[in-house]
PDB file of all heavy atoms in Angstrom:
ATOM      1  N   LEU A   1      93.192  76.698 175.344  1.00  0.00           N
ATOM      2  CA  LEU A   1      91.932  76.281 174.735  1.00  0.00           C
ATOM      3  C   LEU A   1      92.048  76.554 173.265  1.00  0.00           C
ATOM      4  O   LEU A   1      92.455  77.594 172.797  1.00  0.00           O
ATOM      5  CB  LEU A   1      90.775  76.982 175.339  1.00  0.00           C
ATOM      6  CG  LEU A   1      89.370  76.625 174.798  1.00  0.00           C
ATOM      7  CD1 LEU A   1      89.045  75.196 175.067  1.00  0.00           C
ATOM      8  CD2 LEU A   1      88.334  77.555 175.418  1.00  0.00           C
ATOM      9  N   ASP A   2      91.559  75.605 172.430  1.00  0.00           N
ATOM     10  CA  ASP A   2      91.471  75.695 170.998  1.00  0.00           C
ATOM     11  C   ASP A   2      90.057  75.317 170.587  1.00  0.00           C
ATOM     12  O   ASP A   2      89.592  74.227 170.995  1.00  0.00           O
ATOM     13  CB  ASP A   2      92.576  74.854 170.312  1.00  0.00           C
ATOM     14  CG  ASP A   2      92.614  75.058 168.899  1.00  0.00           C
ATOM     15  OD1 ASP A   2      92.284  76.170 168.390  1.00  0.00           O
ATOM     16  OD2 ASP A   2      93.087  74.105 168.159  1.00  0.00           O
ATOM     17  N   LEU A   3      89.383  76.144 169.980  1.00  0.00           N
ATOM     18  CA  LEU A   3      87.979  75.890 169.445  1.00  0.00           C
ATOM     19  C   LEU A   3      88.024  76.123 167.964  1.00  0.00           C
ATOM     20  O   LEU A   3      88.218  77.148 167.489  1.00  0.00           O
ATOM     21  CB  LEU A   3      86.959  76.792 170.091  1.00  0.00           C
ATOM     22  CG  LEU A   3      86.801  76.739 171.598  1.00  0.00           C
ATOM     23  CD1 LEU A   3      85.796  77.811 172.112  1.00  0.00           C
ATOM     24  CD2 LEU A   3      86.317  75.332 172.010  1.00  0.00           C
ATOM     25  N   ASP A   4      87.764  75.011 167.203  1.00  0.00           N
ATOM     26  CA  ASP A   4      87.876  75.006 165.775  1.00  0.00           C
ATOM     27  C   ASP A   4      86.425  74.730 165.183  1.00  0.00           C
ATOM     28  O   ASP A   4      85.880  73.664 165.545  1.00  0.00           O
ATOM     29  CB  ASP A   4      88.767  74.037 165.253  1.00  0.00           C
ATOM     30  CG  ASP A   4      90.224  74.382 165.490  1.00  0.00           C
ATOM     31  OD1 ASP A   4      90.577  75.593 165.584  1.00  0.00           O
ATOM     32  OD2 ASP A   4      91.093  73.447 165.563  1.00  0.00           O
ATOM     33  N   LEU A   5      85.937  75.628 164.363  1.00  0.00           N
ATOM     34  CA  LEU A   5      84.734  75.313 163.606  1.00  0.00           C
ATOM     35  C   LEU A   5      85.064  74.264 162.521  1.00  0.00           C
ATOM     36  O   LEU A   5      85.777  74.630 161.575  1.00  0.00           O
ATOM     37  CB  LEU A   5      84.158  76.645 162.950  1.00  0.00           C
ATOM     38  CG  LEU A   5      82.867  76.470 162.190  1.00  0.00           C
ATOM     39  CD1 LEU A   5      81.763  75.857 163.021  1.00  0.00           C
ATOM     40  CD2 LEU A   5      82.450  77.875 161.757  1.00  0.00           C
ATOM     41  N   LEU A   6      84.548  73.110 162.763  1.00  0.00           N
ATOM     42  CA  LEU A   6      84.828  71.989 161.819  1.00  0.00           C
ATOM     43  C   LEU A   6      83.923  71.956 160.585  1.00  0.00           C
ATOM     44  O   LEU A   6      84.389  71.916 159.384  1.00  0.00           O
ATOM     45  CB  LEU A   6      84.723  70.590 162.520  1.00  0.00           C
ATOM     46  CG  LEU A   6      85.587  70.368 163.739  1.00  0.00           C
ATOM     47  CD1 LEU A   6      85.144  69.099 164.408  1.00  0.00           C
ATOM     48  CD2 LEU A   6      87.054  70.402 163.341  1.00  0.00           C
ATOM     49  N   LEU A   7      82.627  71.956 160.859  1.00  0.00           N
ATOM     50  CA  LEU A   7      81.590  71.890 159.846  1.00  0.00           C
ATOM     51  C   LEU A   7      80.462  72.801 160.243  1.00  0.00           C
ATOM     52  O   LEU A   7      80.125  72.980 161.329  1.00  0.00           O
ATOM     53  CB  LEU A   7      81.038  70.455 159.775  1.00  0.00           C
ATOM     54  CG  LEU A   7      81.965  69.306 159.452  1.00  0.00           C
ATOM     55  CD1 LEU A   7      81.379  67.972 159.746  1.00  0.00           C
ATOM     56  CD2 LEU A   7      82.451  69.409 157.996  1.00  0.00           C
ATOM     57  N   TYR A   8      79.910  73.375 159.115  1.00  0.00           N
ATOM     58  CA  TYR A   8      78.682  74.234 159.337  1.00  0.00           C
ATOM     59  C   TYR A   8      77.777  73.815 158.223  1.00  0.00           C
ATOM     60  O   TYR A   8      77.996  74.078 157.048  1.00  0.00           O
ATOM     61  CB  TYR A   8      79.141  75.706 159.211  1.00  0.00           C
ATOM     62  CG  TYR A   8      77.951  76.655 159.352  1.00  0.00           C
ATOM     63  CD1 TYR A   8      77.795  77.288 160.616  1.00  0.00           C
ATOM     64  CD2 TYR A   8      77.052  76.959 158.362  1.00  0.00           C
ATOM     65  CE1 TYR A   8      76.775  78.146 160.763  1.00  0.00           C
ATOM     66  CE2 TYR A   8      76.029  77.857 158.582  1.00  0.00           C
ATOM     67  CZ  TYR A   8      75.948  78.444 159.820  1.00  0.00           C
ATOM     68  OH  TYR A   8      74.835  79.337 160.007  1.00  0.00           O
ATOM     69  N   ALA A   9      76.712  73.026 158.628  1.00  0.00           N
ATOM     70  CA  ALA A   9      75.790  72.392 157.628  1.00  0.00           C
ATOM     71  C   ALA A   9      76.723  71.641 156.663  1.00  0.00           C
ATOM     72  O   ALA A   9      77.627  71.007 157.067  1.00  0.00           O
ATOM     73  CB  ALA A   9      74.929  73.414 156.976  1.00  0.00           C
ATOM     74  N   ASP A  10      76.412  71.760 155.425  1.00  0.00           N
ATOM     75  CA  ASP A  10      77.284  71.110 154.371  1.00  0.00           C
ATOM     76  C   ASP A  10      78.038  72.186 153.570  1.00  0.00           C
ATOM     77  O   ASP A  10      78.483  71.947 152.476  1.00  0.00           O
ATOM     78  CB  ASP A  10      76.485  70.250 153.446  1.00  0.00           C
ATOM     79  CG  ASP A  10      75.383  71.030 152.663  1.00  0.00           C
ATOM     80  OD1 ASP A  10      75.205  72.302 152.919  1.00  0.00           O
ATOM     81  OD2 ASP A  10      74.704  70.385 151.867  1.00  0.00           O
ATOM     82  N   LEU A  11      78.218  73.345 154.230  1.00  0.00           N
ATOM     83  CA  LEU A  11      78.918  74.444 153.549  1.00  0.00           C
ATOM     84  C   LEU A  11      80.432  74.149 153.224  1.00  0.00           C
ATOM     85  O   LEU A  11      81.068  73.615 154.129  1.00  0.00           O
ATOM     86  CB  LEU A  11      78.776  75.718 154.457  1.00  0.00           C
ATOM     87  CG  LEU A  11      79.438  76.969 153.904  1.00  0.00           C
ATOM     88  CD1 LEU A  11      78.743  77.480 152.738  1.00  0.00           C
ATOM     89  CD2 LEU A  11      79.421  78.125 154.963  1.00  0.00           C
ATOM     90  N   GLN A  12      80.798  74.538 152.047  1.00  0.00           N
ATOM     91  CA  GLN A  12      82.148  74.484 151.688  1.00  0.00           C
ATOM     92  C   GLN A  12      82.614  75.971 151.402  1.00  0.00           C
ATOM     93  O   GLN A  12      81.889  76.604 150.625  1.00  0.00           O
ATOM     94  CB  GLN A  12      82.449  73.676 150.457  1.00  0.00           C
ATOM     95  CG  GLN A  12      82.153  72.175 150.745  1.00  0.00           C
ATOM     96  CD  GLN A  12      82.491  71.249 149.624  1.00  0.00           C
ATOM     97  OE1 GLN A  12      83.619  71.231 149.167  1.00  0.00           O
ATOM     98  NE2 GLN A  12      81.510  70.518 149.029  1.00  0.00           N
ATOM     99  N   CYS A  13      83.650  76.375 152.123  1.00  0.00           N
ATOM    100  CA  CYS A  13      83.969  77.802 152.110  1.00  0.00           C
ATOM    101  C   CYS A  13      85.474  77.956 152.180  1.00  0.00           C
ATOM    102  O   CYS A  13      86.171  77.295 153.003  1.00  0.00           O
ATOM    103  CB  CYS A  13      83.316  78.518 153.266  1.00  0.00           C
ATOM    104  SG  CYS A  13      83.774  80.213 153.534  1.00  0.00           S
ATOM    105  N   LEU A  14      86.022  78.815 151.283  1.00  0.00           N
ATOM    106  CA  LEU A  14      87.476  79.075 151.338  1.00  0.00           C
ATOM    107  C   LEU A  14      87.638  80.609 151.190  1.00  0.00           C
ATOM    108  O   LEU A  14      87.736  81.180 150.091  1.00  0.00           O
ATOM    109  CB  LEU A  14      88.258  78.335 150.201  1.00  0.00           C
ATOM    110  CG  LEU A  14      89.744  78.521 150.148  1.00  0.00           C
ATOM    111  CD1 LEU A  14      90.389  78.107 151.523  1.00  0.00           C
ATOM    112  CD2 LEU A  14      90.323  77.686 149.033  1.00  0.00           C
ATOM    113  N   LYS A  15      87.575  81.257 152.359  1.00  0.00           N
ATOM    114  CA  LYS A  15      87.713  82.709 152.420  1.00  0.00           C
ATOM    115  C   LYS A  15      88.738  83.001 153.434  1.00  0.00           C
ATOM    116  O   LYS A  15      89.051  82.245 154.359  1.00  0.00           O
ATOM    117  CB  LYS A  15      86.331  83.387 152.896  1.00  0.00           C
ATOM    118  CG  LYS A  15      85.286  83.174 151.865  1.00  0.00           C
ATOM    119  CD  LYS A  15      84.010  83.908 152.336  1.00  0.00           C
ATOM    120  CE  LYS A  15      82.882  83.724 151.330  1.00  0.00           C
ATOM    121  NZ  LYS A  15      81.690  84.342 151.772  1.00  0.00           N
ATOM    122  N   PRO A  16      89.378  84.185 153.335  1.00  0.00           N
ATOM    123  CA  PRO A  16      90.371  84.622 154.336  1.00  0.00           C
ATOM    124  C   PRO A  16      89.751  84.520 155.775  1.00  0.00           C
ATOM    125  O   PRO A  16      88.636  85.028 156.023  1.00  0.00           O
ATOM    126  CB  PRO A  16      90.767  86.002 153.980  1.00  0.00           C
ATOM    127  CG  PRO A  16      90.344  86.116 152.494  1.00  0.00           C
ATOM    128  CD  PRO A  16      89.166  85.247 152.302  1.00  0.00           C
ATOM    129  N   GLY A  17      90.424  83.737 156.632  1.00  0.00           N
ATOM    130  CA  GLY A  17      89.894  83.595 157.974  1.00  0.00           C
ATOM    131  C   GLY A  17      88.854  82.512 158.220  1.00  0.00           C
ATOM    132  O   GLY A  17      88.611  82.160 159.339  1.00  0.00           O
ATOM    133  N   LEU A  18      88.336  81.943 157.180  1.00  0.00           N
ATOM    134  CA  LEU A  18      87.355  80.878 157.316  1.00  0.00           C
ATOM    135  C   LEU A  18      87.448  79.831 156.233  1.00  0.00           C
ATOM    136  O   LEU A  18      87.188  80.134 155.088  1.00  0.00           O
ATOM    137  CB  LEU A  18      85.896  81.449 157.340  1.00  0.00           C
ATOM    138  CG  LEU A  18      84.783  80.426 157.538  1.00  0.00           C
ATOM    139  CD1 LEU A  18      84.872  79.680 158.894  1.00  0.00           C
ATOM    140  CD2 LEU A  18      83.463  81.132 157.434  1.00  0.00           C
ATOM    141  N   THR A  19      87.830  78.654 156.559  1.00  0.00           N
ATOM    142  CA  THR A  19      87.800  77.480 155.595  1.00  0.00           C
ATOM    143  C   THR A  19      86.965  76.387 156.201  1.00  0.00           C
ATOM    144  O   THR A  19      87.112  76.000 157.346  1.00  0.00           O
ATOM    145  CB  THR A  19      89.275  76.979 155.487  1.00  0.00           C
ATOM    146  OG1 THR A  19      90.107  78.029 154.952  1.00  0.00           O
ATOM    147  CG2 THR A  19      89.263  75.759 154.430  1.00  0.00           C
ATOM    148  N   LEU A  20      85.950  76.008 155.429  1.00  0.00           N
ATOM    149  CA  LEU A  20      85.015  74.961 155.790  1.00  0.00           C
ATOM    150  C   LEU A  20      84.919  73.942 154.637  1.00  0.00           C
ATOM    151  O   LEU A  20      84.844  74.347 153.520  1.00  0.00           O
ATOM    152  CB  LEU A  20      83.621  75.451 156.115  1.00  0.00           C
ATOM    153  CG  LEU A  20      83.536  76.311 157.347  1.00  0.00           C
ATOM    154  CD1 LEU A  20      82.212  77.006 157.438  1.00  0.00           C
ATOM    155  CD2 LEU A  20      83.754  75.483 158.655  1.00  0.00           C
ATOM    156  N   PRO A  21      84.947  72.599 154.962  1.00  0.00           N
ATOM    157  CA  PRO A  21      85.271  72.070 156.299  1.00  0.00           C
ATOM    158  C   PRO A  21      86.700  72.470 156.736  1.00  0.00           C
ATOM    159  O   PRO A  21      87.470  72.906 155.950  1.00  0.00           O
ATOM    160  CB  PRO A  21      85.239  70.583 156.069  1.00  0.00           C
ATOM    161  CG  PRO A  21      84.728  70.350 154.643  1.00  0.00           C
ATOM    162  CD  PRO A  21      84.745  71.608 153.974  1.00  0.00           C
ATOM    163  N   HIS A  22      86.871  72.365 158.016  1.00  0.00           N
ATOM    164  CA  HIS A  22      88.178  72.745 158.600  1.00  0.00           C
ATOM    165  C   HIS A  22      89.233  72.025 157.874  1.00  0.00           C
ATOM    166  O   HIS A  22      89.154  70.784 157.743  1.00  0.00           O
ATOM    167  CB  HIS A  22      88.199  72.487 160.145  1.00  0.00           C
ATOM    168  CG  HIS A  22      89.410  73.030 160.806  1.00  0.00           C
ATOM    169  ND1 HIS A  22      90.593  72.425 160.790  1.00  0.00           N
ATOM    170  CD2 HIS A  22      89.529  74.197 161.539  1.00  0.00           C
ATOM    171  CE1 HIS A  22      91.457  73.123 161.475  1.00  0.00           C
ATOM    172  NE2 HIS A  22      90.822  74.233 161.875  1.00  0.00           N
ATOM    173  N   PRO A  23      90.357  72.662 157.467  1.00  0.00           N
ATOM    174  CA  PRO A  23      91.397  71.958 156.760  1.00  0.00           C
ATOM    175  C   PRO A  23      92.083  70.919 157.646  1.00  0.00           C
ATOM    176  O   PRO A  23      92.252  71.129 158.880  1.00  0.00           O
ATOM    177  CB  PRO A  23      92.386  73.074 156.395  1.00  0.00           C
ATOM    178  CG  PRO A  23      92.065  74.239 157.229  1.00  0.00           C
ATOM    179  CD  PRO A  23      90.602  74.054 157.716  1.00  0.00           C
ATOM    180  N   ARG A  24      92.420  69.824 157.154  1.00  0.00           N
ATOM    181  CA  ARG A  24      93.095  68.692 157.823  1.00  0.00           C
ATOM    182  C   ARG A  24      92.286  67.913 158.821  1.00  0.00           C
ATOM    183  O   ARG A  24      92.697  67.001 159.409  1.00  0.00           O
ATOM    184  CB  ARG A  24      94.447  69.163 158.382  1.00  0.00           C
ATOM    185  CG  ARG A  24      95.417  69.749 157.400  1.00  0.00           C
ATOM    186  CD  ARG A  24      96.650  70.403 158.061  1.00  0.00           C
ATOM    187  NE  ARG A  24      96.309  71.403 159.090  1.00  0.00           N
ATOM    188  CZ  ARG A  24      95.897  72.671 158.860  1.00  0.00           C
ATOM    189  NH1 ARG A  24      95.760  73.063 157.633  1.00  0.00           N
ATOM    190  NH2 ARG A  24      95.688  73.443 159.843  1.00  0.00           N
ATOM    191  N   MET A  25      91.038  68.336 159.073  1.00  0.00           N
ATOM    192  CA  MET A  25      90.198  67.628 160.020  1.00  0.00           C
ATOM    193  C   MET A  25      90.040  66.216 159.628  1.00  0.00           C
ATOM    194  O   MET A  25      89.988  65.237 160.439  1.00  0.00           O
ATOM    195  CB  MET A  25      88.827  68.250 160.283  1.00  0.00           C
ATOM    196  CG  MET A  25      87.891  68.129 159.116  1.00  0.00           C
ATOM    197  SD  MET A  25      86.224  68.778 159.476  1.00  0.00           S
ATOM    198  CE  MET A  25      85.547  67.391 160.412  1.00  0.00           C
ATOM    199  N   HIS A  26      90.017  65.889 158.339  1.00  0.00           N
ATOM    200  CA  HIS A  26      89.862  64.631 157.787  1.00  0.00           C
ATOM    201  C   HIS A  26      91.060  63.672 157.939  1.00  0.00           C
ATOM    202  O   HIS A  26      91.038  62.513 157.680  1.00  0.00           O
ATOM    203  CB  HIS A  26      89.452  64.673 156.268  1.00  0.00           C
ATOM    204  CG  HIS A  26      90.538  65.320 155.411  1.00  0.00           C
ATOM    205  ND1 HIS A  26      90.754  66.661 155.412  1.00  0.00           N
ATOM    206  CD2 HIS A  26      91.416  64.745 154.585  1.00  0.00           C
ATOM    207  CE1 HIS A  26      91.730  66.938 154.597  1.00  0.00           C
ATOM    208  NE2 HIS A  26      92.165  65.789 154.072  1.00  0.00           N
ATOM    209  N   GLN A  27      92.192  64.279 158.459  1.00  0.00           N
ATOM    210  CA  GLN A  27      93.417  63.553 158.666  1.00  0.00           C
ATOM    211  C   GLN A  27      93.722  63.380 160.148  1.00  0.00           C
ATOM    212  O   GLN A  27      94.887  62.962 160.472  1.00  0.00           O
ATOM    213  CB  GLN A  27      94.604  64.327 157.944  1.00  0.00           C
ATOM    214  CG  GLN A  27      94.366  64.493 156.476  1.00  0.00           C
ATOM    215  CD  GLN A  27      95.442  65.388 155.876  1.00  0.00           C
ATOM    216  OE1 GLN A  27      95.830  66.284 156.514  1.00  0.00           O
ATOM    217  NE2 GLN A  27      95.795  65.116 154.558  1.00  0.00           N
ATOM    218  N   ARG A  28      92.885  63.803 161.008  1.00  0.00           N
ATOM    219  CA  ARG A  28      93.177  63.835 162.449  1.00  0.00           C
ATOM    220  C   ARG A  28      92.279  62.946 163.277  1.00  0.00           C
ATOM    221  O   ARG A  28      91.082  63.260 163.485  1.00  0.00           O
ATOM    222  CB  ARG A  28      93.126  65.252 162.888  1.00  0.00           C
ATOM    223  CG  ARG A  28      94.235  66.143 162.189  1.00  0.00           C
ATOM    224  CD  ARG A  28      94.028  67.521 162.618  1.00  0.00           C
ATOM    225  NE  ARG A  28      95.262  68.338 162.149  1.00  0.00           N
ATOM    226  CZ  ARG A  28      95.319  69.603 162.230  1.00  0.00           C
ATOM    227  NH1 ARG A  28      94.362  70.351 162.697  1.00  0.00           N
ATOM    228  NH2 ARG A  28      96.365  70.266 161.800  1.00  0.00           N
TER     229      ARG A  28
END
């Protein structure tokens, strides 16, 4: 099982352990 947090509201975040939107989701 893989559960990826893709989007959280319109938040853009680049912190250790959490990148939003999920990286590469726009290419999959």
